[in-house]
N, C-alpha and C. Protein backbone atom coordinates (compact mmCIF):
# COMPACT_ATOMS: atom_id res chain seq x y z
N MET A 1 30.23 25.03 105.92
CA MET A 1 29.96 26.40 105.54
C MET A 1 29.84 26.45 104.02
N ASP A 2 28.82 27.12 103.53
CA ASP A 2 28.63 27.27 102.09
C ASP A 2 29.31 28.54 101.59
N PHE A 3 29.36 28.70 100.26
CA PHE A 3 30.05 29.85 99.67
C PHE A 3 29.38 31.18 100.03
N GLN A 4 28.07 31.17 100.16
CA GLN A 4 27.38 32.41 100.51
C GLN A 4 27.78 32.88 101.91
N THR A 5 27.80 31.95 102.87
CA THR A 5 28.20 32.29 104.23
C THR A 5 29.66 32.70 104.28
N LEU A 6 30.50 31.98 103.56
CA LEU A 6 31.93 32.32 103.50
C LEU A 6 32.11 33.72 102.93
N GLY A 7 31.40 34.03 101.86
CA GLY A 7 31.49 35.35 101.25
C GLY A 7 31.05 36.45 102.19
N GLN A 8 29.99 36.21 102.93
CA GLN A 8 29.51 37.20 103.90
C GLN A 8 30.55 37.44 104.98
N GLU A 9 31.19 36.39 105.43
CA GLU A 9 32.23 36.51 106.46
C GLU A 9 33.44 37.27 105.93
N ILE A 10 33.83 36.99 104.70
CA ILE A 10 34.95 37.70 104.08
C ILE A 10 34.62 39.18 103.96
N ARG A 11 33.41 39.49 103.50
CA ARG A 11 33.01 40.90 103.37
C ARG A 11 33.02 41.59 104.74
N HIS A 12 32.50 40.91 105.75
CA HIS A 12 32.47 41.48 107.10
C HIS A 12 33.88 41.78 107.60
N LEU A 13 34.78 40.82 107.45
CA LEU A 13 36.16 41.01 107.91
C LEU A 13 36.87 42.12 107.14
N ARG A 14 36.64 42.17 105.83
CA ARG A 14 37.27 43.21 105.00
C ARG A 14 36.78 44.59 105.42
N ARG A 15 35.50 44.72 105.58
CA ARG A 15 34.94 46.02 105.97
C ARG A 15 35.37 46.41 107.38
N GLN A 16 35.43 45.44 108.26
CA GLN A 16 35.86 45.69 109.64
C GLN A 16 37.28 46.27 109.65
N ARG A 17 38.10 45.82 108.73
CA ARG A 17 39.48 46.30 108.64
C ARG A 17 39.60 47.54 107.74
N ARG A 18 38.47 48.01 107.23
CA ARG A 18 38.40 49.20 106.39
C ARG A 18 39.29 49.08 105.14
N ILE A 19 39.17 47.94 104.48
CA ILE A 19 39.92 47.67 103.26
C ILE A 19 38.92 47.66 102.11
N SER A 20 39.19 48.41 101.07
CA SER A 20 38.29 48.41 99.91
C SER A 20 38.48 47.13 99.11
N GLN A 21 37.46 46.78 98.34
CA GLN A 21 37.60 45.62 97.46
C GLN A 21 38.73 45.84 96.47
N GLN A 22 38.83 47.04 95.94
CA GLN A 22 39.86 47.34 94.94
C GLN A 22 41.27 47.16 95.51
N LEU A 23 41.51 47.69 96.70
CA LEU A 23 42.83 47.58 97.31
C LEU A 23 43.16 46.11 97.61
N MET A 24 42.21 45.40 98.17
CA MET A 24 42.44 43.99 98.50
C MET A 24 42.70 43.18 97.22
N ALA A 25 41.92 43.44 96.19
CA ALA A 25 42.11 42.74 94.92
C ALA A 25 43.50 43.02 94.35
N GLU A 26 43.93 44.26 94.42
CA GLU A 26 45.26 44.62 93.91
C GLU A 26 46.36 43.90 94.71
N HIS A 27 46.24 43.87 96.02
CA HIS A 27 47.24 43.20 96.85
C HIS A 27 47.29 41.70 96.59
N LEU A 28 46.15 41.11 96.24
CA LEU A 28 46.08 39.66 96.03
C LEU A 28 46.22 39.25 94.57
N ALA A 29 46.33 40.23 93.68
CA ALA A 29 46.44 39.97 92.24
C ALA A 29 45.25 39.16 91.72
N ILE A 30 44.06 39.55 92.17
CA ILE A 30 42.82 38.99 91.64
C ILE A 30 41.94 40.16 91.21
N SER A 31 40.92 39.88 90.43
CA SER A 31 40.06 40.98 89.99
C SER A 31 39.09 41.38 91.10
N ARG A 32 38.72 42.66 91.10
CA ARG A 32 37.74 43.13 92.05
C ARG A 32 36.40 42.46 91.79
N THR A 33 36.11 42.16 90.54
CA THR A 33 34.88 41.47 90.16
C THR A 33 34.82 40.09 90.80
N THR A 34 35.92 39.38 90.80
CA THR A 34 35.97 38.05 91.43
C THR A 34 35.75 38.16 92.93
N LEU A 35 36.39 39.11 93.56
CA LEU A 35 36.23 39.31 94.99
C LEU A 35 34.78 39.67 95.32
N ASN A 36 34.20 40.55 94.53
CA ASN A 36 32.81 40.95 94.74
C ASN A 36 31.87 39.75 94.59
N ALA A 37 32.09 38.95 93.56
CA ALA A 37 31.26 37.77 93.34
C ALA A 37 31.37 36.81 94.52
N LEU A 38 32.57 36.62 95.05
CA LEU A 38 32.76 35.75 96.21
C LEU A 38 31.99 36.29 97.41
N GLU A 39 32.09 37.58 97.66
CA GLU A 39 31.40 38.18 98.80
C GLU A 39 29.88 38.06 98.66
N LEU A 40 29.39 38.01 97.43
CA LEU A 40 27.95 37.89 97.20
C LEU A 40 27.49 36.43 97.10
N GLY A 41 28.45 35.49 97.22
CA GLY A 41 28.11 34.07 97.14
C GLY A 41 27.84 33.61 95.73
N LYS A 42 28.37 34.33 94.74
CA LYS A 42 28.13 34.02 93.34
C LYS A 42 29.42 33.77 92.57
N ALA A 43 30.44 33.32 93.26
CA ALA A 43 31.76 33.19 92.64
C ALA A 43 31.89 31.98 91.73
N GLY A 44 31.00 31.01 91.86
CA GLY A 44 31.12 29.83 91.03
C GLY A 44 32.36 29.05 91.37
N ASP A 45 33.18 28.80 90.37
CA ASP A 45 34.39 27.99 90.56
C ASP A 45 35.60 28.90 90.78
N ILE A 46 35.70 29.46 91.98
CA ILE A 46 36.79 30.40 92.28
C ILE A 46 38.11 29.68 92.56
N GLY A 47 38.06 28.50 93.08
CA GLY A 47 39.27 27.75 93.38
C GLY A 47 39.74 27.93 94.81
N VAL A 48 40.18 26.85 95.39
CA VAL A 48 40.59 26.83 96.79
C VAL A 48 41.81 27.71 97.04
N LYS A 49 42.74 27.74 96.09
CA LYS A 49 43.96 28.54 96.27
C LYS A 49 43.63 30.02 96.45
N LYS A 50 42.68 30.53 95.67
CA LYS A 50 42.30 31.94 95.81
C LYS A 50 41.60 32.18 97.14
N ILE A 51 40.76 31.25 97.55
CA ILE A 51 40.06 31.40 98.83
C ILE A 51 41.07 31.42 99.97
N ILE A 52 42.03 30.53 99.93
CA ILE A 52 43.06 30.48 100.98
C ILE A 52 43.87 31.78 100.98
N LYS A 53 44.18 32.28 99.80
CA LYS A 53 44.93 33.54 99.67
C LYS A 53 44.14 34.70 100.29
N ILE A 54 42.85 34.75 100.02
CA ILE A 54 41.98 35.81 100.56
C ILE A 54 41.88 35.71 102.07
N LEU A 55 41.65 34.50 102.57
CA LEU A 55 41.53 34.31 104.02
C LEU A 55 42.85 34.64 104.72
N ASP A 56 43.96 34.24 104.12
CA ASP A 56 45.27 34.53 104.71
C ASP A 56 45.48 36.05 104.79
N TYR A 57 45.09 36.76 103.76
CA TYR A 57 45.22 38.22 103.74
C TYR A 57 44.45 38.85 104.91
N LEU A 58 43.34 38.24 105.26
CA LEU A 58 42.49 38.75 106.34
C LEU A 58 42.86 38.17 107.70
N GLY A 59 43.92 37.36 107.74
CA GLY A 59 44.37 36.77 109.00
C GLY A 59 43.54 35.57 109.44
N MET A 60 42.88 34.92 108.50
CA MET A 60 42.06 33.76 108.79
C MET A 60 42.66 32.54 108.08
N GLU A 61 42.13 31.37 108.39
CA GLU A 61 42.59 30.17 107.69
C GLU A 61 41.39 29.27 107.41
N LEU A 62 41.55 28.46 106.38
CA LEU A 62 40.51 27.52 105.98
C LEU A 62 40.73 26.22 106.71
N SER A 63 39.69 25.71 107.32
CA SER A 63 39.80 24.41 107.99
C SER A 63 38.63 23.53 107.58
N VAL A 64 38.86 22.26 107.61
CA VAL A 64 37.84 21.29 107.21
C VAL A 64 37.24 20.66 108.45
């Protein structure tokens, strides 16, 4: 899975749960800009720890 597909899935799950980017960013202590960039597939070097944190918040997990 590439970052664009991952970002789309994160956006879908977040919206499905009716969570705003701002609220999710505040709960995860990341910027809303970073979350938005990830959802758009433009996050660049976001780091695996942040991705795991985001997926965990949404009840998902990263697998290889």
